[in-house]
Amino acid sequence: MRKNVNKFAEWMKSNDKKQRGVAEKLGISTSTLHDILRKGLMPSLRLAYEIEKYTRGAITLYDWVDEKIRS
């Protein structure tokens, strides 16, 4: 599992966020959020941006980019 997925799941846990509420705020289904958190589904650029806004920068667009690509 990618580090960013763990980071997002940890953020949700530490901020007492439930999947249903997060999915609703992001405008996605709970099954899509589940696939991102548990199956490593890569969010679209737009969704990654929405996650960054929702988490107030705790999870950034850059977090979703593979570290190999960044260097």
PDB file of N, CA and C in Angstrom:
ATOM      1  N   MET A   1       0.851  -1.180   0.000  1.00  0.00           N
ATOM      2  CA  MET A   1       0.000   0.000   0.000  1.00  0.00           C
ATOM      3  C   MET A   1       0.896   1.242   0.000  1.00  0.00           C
ATOM      4  N   ARG A   2       0.514   2.215  -0.777  1.00  0.00           N
ATOM      5  CA  ARG A   2       1.308   3.431  -0.878  1.00  0.00           C
ATOM      6  C   ARG A   2       1.253   4.235   0.417  1.00  0.00           C
ATOM      7  N   LYS A   3       2.341   4.936   0.672  1.00  0.00           N
ATOM      8  CA  LYS A   3       2.485   5.740   1.887  1.00  0.00           C
ATOM      9  C   LYS A   3       1.389   6.794   2.002  1.00  0.00           C
ATOM     10  N   ASN A   4       1.017   7.427   0.877  1.00  0.00           N
ATOM     11  CA  ASN A   4       0.002   8.484   0.911  1.00  0.00           C
ATOM     12  C   ASN A   4      -1.356   7.960   1.342  1.00  0.00           C
ATOM     13  N   VAL A   5      -1.677   6.741   0.964  1.00  0.00           N
ATOM     14  CA  VAL A   5      -2.950   6.140   1.378  1.00  0.00           C
ATOM     15  C   VAL A   5      -2.949   5.982   2.889  1.00  0.00           C
ATOM     16  N   ASN A   6      -1.847   5.468   3.429  1.00  0.00           N
ATOM     17  CA  ASN A   6      -1.737   5.337   4.880  1.00  0.00           C
ATOM     18  C   ASN A   6      -1.841   6.707   5.542  1.00  0.00           C
ATOM     19  N   LYS A   7      -1.225   7.716   4.940  1.00  0.00           N
ATOM     20  CA  LYS A   7      -1.262   9.060   5.491  1.00  0.00           C
ATOM     21  C   LYS A   7      -2.693   9.595   5.529  1.00  0.00           C
ATOM     22  N   PHE A   8      -3.440   9.367   4.468  1.00  0.00           N
ATOM     23  CA  PHE A   8      -4.831   9.821   4.406  1.00  0.00           C
ATOM     24  C   PHE A   8      -5.673   9.064   5.431  1.00  0.00           C
ATOM     25  N   ALA A   9      -5.495   7.754   5.512  1.00  0.00           N
ATOM     26  CA  ALA A   9      -6.238   6.951   6.496  1.00  0.00           C
ATOM     27  C   ALA A   9      -5.892   7.381   7.918  1.00  0.00           C
ATOM     28  N   GLU A  10      -4.620   7.657   8.168  1.00  0.00           N
ATOM     29  CA  GLU A  10      -4.199   8.117   9.494  1.00  0.00           C
ATOM     30  C   GLU A  10      -4.796   9.483   9.808  1.00  0.00           C
ATOM     31  N   TRP A  11      -4.839  10.368   8.814  1.00  0.00           N
ATOM     32  CA  TRP A  11      -5.434  11.687   9.010  1.00  0.00           C
ATOM     33  C   TRP A  11      -6.906  11.531   9.389  1.00  0.00           C
ATOM     34  N   MET A  12      -7.613  10.669   8.665  1.00  0.00           N
ATOM     35  CA  MET A  12      -9.027  10.445   8.963  1.00  0.00           C
ATOM     36  C   MET A  12      -9.200   9.936  10.388  1.00  0.00           C
ATOM     37  N   LYS A  13      -8.370   8.992  10.782  1.00  0.00           N
ATOM     38  CA  LYS A  13      -8.480   8.421  12.130  1.00  0.00           C
ATOM     39  C   LYS A  13      -8.168   9.465  13.196  1.00  0.00           C
ATOM     40  N   SER A  14      -7.090  10.214  13.005  1.00  0.00           N
ATOM     41  CA  SER A  14      -6.689  11.189  14.020  1.00  0.00           C
ATOM     42  C   SER A  14      -7.656  12.368  14.116  1.00  0.00           C
ATOM     43  N   ASN A  15      -8.421  12.596  13.051  1.00  0.00           N
ATOM     44  CA  ASN A  15      -9.405  13.677  13.059  1.00  0.00           C
ATOM     45  C   ASN A  15     -10.825  13.155  13.249  1.00  0.00           C
ATOM     46  N   ASP A  16     -10.930  11.883  13.636  1.00  0.00           N
ATOM     47  CA  ASP A  16     -12.208  11.234  13.916  1.00  0.00           C
ATOM     48  C   ASP A  16     -13.202  11.386  12.764  1.00  0.00           C
ATOM     49  N   LYS A  17     -12.710  11.134  11.553  1.00  0.00           N
ATOM     50  CA  LYS A  17     -13.552  11.234  10.356  1.00  0.00           C
ATOM     51  C   LYS A  17     -13.993   9.847   9.921  1.00  0.00           C
ATOM     52  N   LYS A  18     -15.254   9.719   9.598  1.00  0.00           N
ATOM     53  CA  LYS A  18     -15.814   8.459   9.116  1.00  0.00           C
ATOM     54  C   LYS A  18     -15.865   8.477   7.587  1.00  0.00           C
ATOM     55  N   GLN A  19     -15.748   7.292   6.992  1.00  0.00           N
ATOM     56  CA  GLN A  19     -15.722   7.208   5.529  1.00  0.00           C
ATOM     57  C   GLN A  19     -16.951   7.838   4.889  1.00  0.00           C
ATOM     58  N   ARG A  20     -18.110   7.602   5.443  1.00  0.00           N
ATOM     59  CA  ARG A  20     -19.336   8.139   4.848  1.00  0.00           C
ATOM     60  C   ARG A  20     -19.306   9.667   4.792  1.00  0.00           C
ATOM     61  N   GLY A  21     -18.907  10.295   5.891  1.00  0.00           N
ATOM     62  CA  GLY A  21     -18.852  11.755   5.942  1.00  0.00           C
ATOM     63  C   GLY A  21     -17.799  12.338   5.018  1.00  0.00           C
ATOM     64  N   VAL A  22     -16.629  11.697   4.977  1.00  0.00           N
ATOM     65  CA  VAL A  22     -15.559  12.169   4.097  1.00  0.00           C
ATOM     66  C   VAL A  22     -15.980  12.033   2.645  1.00  0.00           C
ATOM     67  N   ALA A  23     -16.539  10.896   2.284  1.00  0.00           N
ATOM     68  CA  ALA A  23     -16.987  10.679   0.909  1.00  0.00           C
ATOM     69  C   ALA A  23     -18.024  11.724   0.512  1.00  0.00           C
ATOM     70  N   GLU A  24     -18.945  12.000   1.401  1.00  0.00           N
ATOM     71  CA  GLU A  24     -19.988  12.993   1.128  1.00  0.00           C
ATOM     72  C   GLU A  24     -19.377  14.372   0.894  1.00  0.00           C
ATOM     73  N   LYS A  25     -18.454  14.774   1.757  1.00  0.00           N
ATOM     74  CA  LYS A  25     -17.804  16.082   1.614  1.00  0.00           C
ATOM     75  C   LYS A  25     -16.998  16.181   0.327  1.00  0.00           C
ATOM     76  N   LEU A  26     -16.407  15.059  -0.099  1.00  0.00           N
ATOM     77  CA  LEU A  26     -15.599  15.058  -1.317  1.00  0.00           C
ATOM     78  C   LEU A  26     -16.436  14.858  -2.581  1.00  0.00           C
ATOM     79  N   GLY A  27     -17.707  14.513  -2.401  1.00  0.00           N
ATOM     80  CA  GLY A  27     -18.585  14.309  -3.551  1.00  0.00           C
ATOM     81  C   GLY A  27     -18.341  13.004  -4.285  1.00  0.00           C
ATOM     82  N   ILE A  28     -17.931  11.980  -3.525  1.00  0.00           N
ATOM     83  CA  ILE A  28     -17.690  10.663  -4.113  1.00  0.00           C
ATOM     84  C   ILE A  28     -18.467   9.612  -3.325  1.00  0.00           C
ATOM     85  N   SER A  29     -18.550   8.427  -3.881  1.00  0.00           N
ATOM     86  CA  SER A  29     -19.246   7.347  -3.183  1.00  0.00           C
ATOM     87  C   SER A  29     -18.337   6.764  -2.102  1.00  0.00           C
ATOM     88  N   THR A  30     -18.962   6.124  -1.137  1.00  0.00           N
ATOM     89  CA  THR A  30     -18.178   5.478  -0.089  1.00  0.00           C
ATOM     90  C   THR A  30     -17.344   4.338  -0.672  1.00  0.00           C
ATOM     91  N   SER A  31     -17.844   3.705  -1.723  1.00  0.00           N
ATOM     92  CA  SER A  31     -17.071   2.615  -2.335  1.00  0.00           C
ATOM     93  C   SER A  31     -15.813   3.156  -3.021  1.00  0.00           C
ATOM     94  N   THR A  32     -15.893   4.340  -3.617  1.00  0.00           N
ATOM     95  CA  THR A  32     -14.701   4.948  -4.221  1.00  0.00           C
ATOM     96  C   THR A  32     -13.683   5.298  -3.151  1.00  0.00           C
ATOM     97  N   LEU A  33     -14.144   5.875  -2.051  1.00  0.00           N
ATOM     98  CA  LEU A  33     -13.226   6.200  -0.960  1.00  0.00           C
ATOM     99  C   LEU A  33     -12.609   4.922  -0.400  1.00  0.00           C
ATOM    100  N   HIS A  34     -13.405   3.886  -0.245  1.00  0.00           N
ATOM    101  CA  HIS A  34     -12.902   2.598   0.224  1.00  0.00           C
ATOM    102  C   HIS A  34     -11.796   2.091  -0.706  1.00  0.00           C
ATOM    103  N   ASP A  35     -12.015   2.192  -2.014  1.00  0.00           N
ATOM    104  CA  ASP A  35     -11.017   1.729  -2.979  1.00  0.00           C
ATOM    105  C   ASP A  35      -9.731   2.540  -2.889  1.00  0.00           C
ATOM    106  N   ILE A  36      -9.842   3.830  -2.608  1.00  0.00           N
ATOM    107  CA  ILE A  36      -8.654   4.664  -2.431  1.00  0.00           C
ATOM    108  C   ILE A  36      -7.902   4.253  -1.164  1.00  0.00           C
ATOM    109  N   LEU A  37      -8.636   4.066  -0.080  1.00  0.00           N
ATOM    110  CA  LEU A  37      -8.019   3.763   1.210  1.00  0.00           C
ATOM    111  C   LEU A  37      -7.522   2.330   1.328  1.00  0.00           C
ATOM    112  N   ARG A  38      -8.250   1.389   0.764  1.00  0.00           N
ATOM    113  CA  ARG A  38      -7.924  -0.021   0.989  1.00  0.00           C
ATOM    114  C   ARG A  38      -7.293  -0.722  -0.211  1.00  0.00           C
ATOM    115  N   LYS A  39      -7.592  -0.255  -1.410  1.00  0.00           N
ATOM    116  CA  LYS A  39      -7.090  -0.943  -2.602  1.00  0.00           C
ATOM    117  C   LYS A  39      -6.037  -0.141  -3.349  1.00  0.00           C
ATOM    118  N   GLY A  40      -5.733   1.063  -2.852  1.00  0.00           N
ATOM    119  CA  GLY A  40      -4.689   1.856  -3.479  1.00  0.00           C
ATOM    120  C   GLY A  40      -5.095   2.542  -4.771  1.00  0.00           C
ATOM    121  N   LEU A  41      -6.400   2.726  -4.979  1.00  0.00           N
ATOM    122  CA  LEU A  41      -6.867   3.440  -6.166  1.00  0.00           C
ATOM    123  C   LEU A  41      -6.311   4.853  -6.164  1.00  0.00           C
ATOM    124  N   MET A  42      -5.759   5.276  -7.295  1.00  0.00           N
ATOM    125  CA  MET A  42      -5.214   6.629  -7.429  1.00  0.00           C
ATOM    126  C   MET A  42      -6.367   7.581  -7.718  1.00  0.00           C
ATOM    127  N   PRO A  43      -6.527   8.629  -6.901  1.00  0.00           N
ATOM    128  CA  PRO A  43      -7.605   9.582  -7.167  1.00  0.00           C
ATOM    129  C   PRO A  43      -7.282  10.424  -8.406  1.00  0.00           C
ATOM    130  N   SER A  44      -8.315  10.927  -9.032  1.00  0.00           N
ATOM    131  CA  SER A  44      -8.112  11.831 -10.157  1.00  0.00           C
ATOM    132  C   SER A  44      -7.424  13.093  -9.648  1.00  0.00           C
ATOM    133  N   LEU A  45      -6.901  13.882 -10.553  1.00  0.00           N
ATOM    134  CA  LEU A  45      -6.259  15.134 -10.172  1.00  0.00           C
ATOM    135  C   LEU A  45      -7.239  16.033  -9.428  1.00  0.00           C
ATOM    136  N   ARG A  46      -8.455  16.110  -9.928  1.00  0.00           N
ATOM    137  CA  ARG A  46      -9.482  16.936  -9.281  1.00  0.00           C
ATOM    138  C   ARG A  46      -9.779  16.436  -7.870  1.00  0.00           C
ATOM    139  N   LEU A  47      -9.933  15.115  -7.717  1.00  0.00           N
ATOM    140  CA  LEU A  47     -10.222  14.558  -6.395  1.00  0.00           C
ATOM    141  C   LEU A  47      -9.037  14.750  -5.453  1.00  0.00           C
ATOM    142  N   ALA A  48      -7.824  14.577  -5.949  1.00  0.00           N
ATOM    143  CA  ALA A  48      -6.641  14.803  -5.115  1.00  0.00           C
ATOM    144  C   ALA A  48      -6.620  16.255  -4.625  1.00  0.00           C
ATOM    145  N   TYR A  49      -7.009  17.181  -5.489  1.00  0.00           N
ATOM    146  CA  TYR A  49      -7.090  18.590  -5.101  1.00  0.00           C
ATOM    147  C   TYR A  49      -8.167  18.791  -4.031  1.00  0.00           C
ATOM    148  N   GLU A  50      -9.324  18.140  -4.206  1.00  0.00           N
ATOM    149  CA  GLU A  50     -10.401  18.242  -3.220  1.00  0.00           C
ATOM    150  C   GLU A  50      -9.964  17.669  -1.872  1.00  0.00           C
ATOM    151  N   ILE A  51      -9.186  16.588  -1.904  1.00  0.00           N
ATOM    152  CA  ILE A  51      -8.667  16.000  -0.667  1.00  0.00           C
ATOM    153  C   ILE A  51      -7.717  16.986   0.009  1.00  0.00           C
ATOM    154  N   GLU A  52      -6.871  17.644  -0.780  1.00  0.00           N
ATOM    155  CA  GLU A  52      -5.958  18.636  -0.212  1.00  0.00           C
ATOM    156  C   GLU A  52      -6.729  19.772   0.455  1.00  0.00           C
ATOM    157  N   LYS A  53      -7.764  20.265  -0.202  1.00  0.00           N
ATOM    158  CA  LYS A  53      -8.576  21.330   0.390  1.00  0.00           C
ATOM    159  C   LYS A  53      -9.279  20.834   1.651  1.00  0.00           C
ATOM    160  N   TYR A  54      -9.875  19.654   1.579  1.00  0.00           N
ATOM    161  CA  TYR A  54     -10.632  19.106   2.703  1.00  0.00           C
ATOM    162  C   TYR A  54      -9.742  18.891   3.919  1.00  0.00           C
ATOM    163  N   THR A  55      -8.514  18.433   3.692  1.00  0.00           N
ATOM    164  CA  THR A  55      -7.598  18.162   4.801  1.00  0.00           C
ATOM    165  C   THR A  55      -6.777  19.399   5.183  1.00  0.00           C
ATOM    166  N   ARG A  56      -7.091  20.517   4.551  1.00  0.00           N
ATOM    167  CA  ARG A  56      -6.376  21.780   4.794  1.00  0.00           C
ATOM    168  C   ARG A  56      -4.866  21.623   4.641  1.00  0.00           C
ATOM    169  N   GLY A  57      -4.498  20.884   3.594  1.00  0.00           N
ATOM    170  CA  GLY A  57      -3.090  20.726   3.248  1.00  0.00           C
ATOM    171  C   GLY A  57      -2.355  19.599   3.943  1.00  0.00           C
ATOM    172  N   ALA A  58      -3.036  18.865   4.794  1.00  0.00           N
ATOM    173  CA  ALA A  58      -2.379  17.733   5.458  1.00  0.00           C
ATOM    174  C   ALA A  58      -2.031  16.644   4.443  1.00  0.00           C
ATOM    175  N   ILE A  59      -2.886  16.465   3.443  1.00  0.00           N
ATOM    176  CA  ILE A  59      -2.644  15.547   2.332  1.00  0.00           C
ATOM    177  C   ILE A  59      -2.625  16.421   1.083  1.00  0.00           C
ATOM    178  N   THR A  60      -1.478  16.536   0.445  1.00  0.00           N
ATOM    179  CA  THR A  60      -1.354  17.427  -0.704  1.00  0.00           C
ATOM    180  C   THR A  60      -1.459  16.671  -2.024  1.00  0.00           C
ATOM    181  N   LEU A  61      -1.627  17.416  -3.087  1.00  0.00           N
ATOM    182  CA  LEU A  61      -1.590  16.822  -4.434  1.00  0.00           C
ATOM    183  C   LEU A  61      -0.289  16.049  -4.622  1.00  0.00           C
ATOM    184  N   TYR A  62       0.779  16.630  -4.139  1.00  0.00           N
ATOM    185  CA  TYR A  62       2.103  16.044  -4.294  1.00  0.00           C
ATOM    186  C   TYR A  62       2.229  14.699  -3.581  1.00  0.00           C
ATOM    187  N   ASP A  63       1.458  14.495  -2.532  1.00  0.00           N
ATOM    188  CA  ASP A  63       1.502  13.221  -1.807  1.00  0.00           C
ATOM    189  C   ASP A  63       1.081  12.045  -2.670  1.00  0.00           C
ATOM    190  N   TRP A  64       0.286  12.298  -3.688  1.00  0.00           N
ATOM    191  CA  TRP A  64      -0.211  11.216  -4.526  1.00  0.00           C
ATOM    192  C   TRP A  64       0.759  10.845  -5.634  1.00  0.00           C
ATOM    193  N   VAL A  65       1.792  11.666  -5.847  1.00  0.00           N
ATOM    194  CA  VAL A  65       2.768  11.398  -6.898  1.00  0.00           C
ATOM    195  C   VAL A  65       3.799  10.418  -6.397  1.00  0.00           C
ATOM    196  N   ASP A  66       4.074   9.411  -7.198  1.00  0.00           N
ATOM    197  CA  ASP A  66       5.061   8.404  -6.846  1.00  0.00           C
ATOM    198  C   ASP A  66       6.423   9.064  -6.590  1.00  0.00           C
ATOM    199  N   GLU A  67       7.087   8.672  -5.533  1.00  0.00           N
ATOM    200  CA  GLU A  67       8.364   9.273  -5.166  1.00  0.00           C
ATOM    201  C   GLU A  67       9.406   9.144  -6.275  1.00  0.00           C
ATOM    202  N   LYS A  68       9.336   8.073  -7.072  1.00  0.00           N
ATOM    203  CA  LYS A  68      10.274   7.883  -8.172  1.00  0.00           C
ATOM    204  C   LYS A  68      10.105   8.977  -9.224  1.00  0.00           C
ATOM    205  N   ILE A  69       8.879   9.406  -9.413  1.00  0.00           N
ATOM    206  CA  ILE A  69       8.593  10.448 -10.403  1.00  0.00           C
ATOM    207  C   ILE A  69       9.047  11.803  -9.897  1.00  0.00           C
ATOM    208  N   ARG A  70       8.936  12.036  -8.597  1.00  0.00           N
ATOM    209  CA  ARG A  70       9.293  13.327  -8.007  1.00  0.00           C
ATOM    210  C   ARG A  70      10.775  13.649  -8.144  1.00  0.00           C
ATOM    211  N   SER A  71      11.641  12.625  -8.083  1.00  0.00           N
ATOM    212  CA  SER A  71      13.080  12.914  -8.072  1.00  0.00           C
ATOM    213  C   SER A  71      13.663  13.079  -9.447  1.00  0.00           C
TER     214      SER A  71
END
